[in-house]
Amino acid sequence: MAPGADADFLLLRAAAPELAIGELASDLVYAASGAVVDTTVVAGRVLMRGGEVPELEEIVARARERARRLGL
């Protein structure tokens, strides 16, 4: 990654029970679910903060409309 490039990263809930025992990498693979993710940043843009997705209703509405156009 070049200096100054947009970042992609997750912030995890460190106190989640799934992450409390063992090695972090193993816990993430074998025990954790998406519920341990607190914040998601993609290309420098915050997509989820505090476990909440801003504009979720709008996102779901657009997905439903596109699915309808596909005949789903």
Protein backbone atom coordinates (compact mmCIF):
# COMPACT_ATOMS: atom_id res chain seq x y z
CA MET A 1 0.00 0.00 0.00
CA ALA A 2 1.29 3.42 -0.87
CA PRO A 3 1.57 6.10 1.82
CA GLY A 4 -1.57 8.21 1.88
CA ALA A 5 -3.69 5.52 0.19
CA ASP A 6 -7.19 4.84 1.48
CA ALA A 7 -7.30 2.16 4.18
CA ASP A 8 -9.36 -0.99 4.67
CA PHE A 9 -9.66 -2.29 8.23
CA LEU A 10 -11.95 -3.69 10.92
CA LEU A 11 -12.17 -2.75 14.57
CA LEU A 12 -13.16 -5.71 16.74
CA ARG A 13 -14.96 -5.85 20.09
CA ALA A 14 -12.00 -7.01 22.19
CA ALA A 15 -14.26 -7.92 25.11
CA ALA A 16 -16.35 -10.34 23.01
CA PRO A 17 -16.41 -13.79 24.67
CA GLU A 18 -15.45 -15.44 21.37
CA LEU A 19 -12.12 -13.59 21.47
CA ALA A 20 -11.39 -14.09 25.17
CA ILE A 21 -9.68 -17.49 25.14
CA GLY A 22 -6.81 -18.67 22.98
CA GLU A 23 -4.98 -17.04 20.14
CA LEU A 24 -6.73 -14.18 18.30
CA ALA A 25 -6.26 -15.64 14.81
CA SER A 26 -7.69 -19.02 15.82
CA ASP A 27 -10.56 -17.39 17.71
CA LEU A 28 -11.45 -15.33 14.63
CA VAL A 29 -11.46 -18.38 12.36
CA TYR A 30 -13.10 -20.96 14.59
CA ALA A 31 -15.20 -19.13 17.18
CA ALA A 32 -16.09 -15.60 16.14
CA SER A 33 -18.98 -14.38 14.01
CA GLY A 34 -19.61 -11.01 12.44
CA ALA A 35 -20.98 -9.89 15.80
CA VAL A 36 -17.43 -9.23 17.02
CA VAL A 37 -16.95 -6.51 14.37
CA ASP A 38 -17.55 -3.02 15.75
CA THR A 39 -16.39 -0.82 12.87
CA THR A 40 -15.63 -1.48 9.20
CA VAL A 41 -13.68 0.93 6.98
CA VAL A 42 -13.24 0.26 3.25
CA ALA A 43 -11.24 2.55 0.97
CA GLY A 44 -11.16 5.08 3.79
CA ARG A 45 -14.98 5.13 4.04
CA VAL A 46 -16.70 4.07 7.28
CA LEU A 47 -19.32 1.46 6.33
CA MET A 48 -20.25 0.41 9.87
CA ARG A 49 -19.63 2.11 13.22
CA GLY A 50 -20.57 0.73 16.62
CA GLY A 51 -22.19 -2.25 14.94
CA GLU A 52 -24.64 0.01 13.10
CA VAL A 53 -24.75 0.47 9.32
CA PRO A 54 -25.72 4.04 8.43
CA GLU A 55 -28.47 4.26 5.81
CA LEU A 56 -29.28 0.55 6.20
CA GLU A 57 -32.91 1.02 5.17
CA GLU A 58 -31.85 2.75 1.93
CA ILE A 59 -29.31 0.01 1.16
CA VAL A 60 -31.91 -2.74 1.68
CA ALA A 61 -34.47 -0.86 -0.44
CA ARG A 62 -32.00 -0.56 -3.33
CA ALA A 63 -31.09 -4.25 -3.04
CA ARG A 64 -34.77 -5.24 -3.12
CA GLU A 65 -35.38 -3.09 -6.20
CA ARG A 66 -32.41 -4.61 -8.02
CA ALA A 67 -33.51 -8.11 -7.04
CA ARG A 68 -37.01 -7.33 -8.35
CA ARG A 69 -35.56 -6.19 -11.69
CA LEU A 70 -33.68 -9.49 -11.88
CA GLY A 71 -36.93 -11.36 -11.32
CA LEU A 72 -36.05 -12.55 -7.83
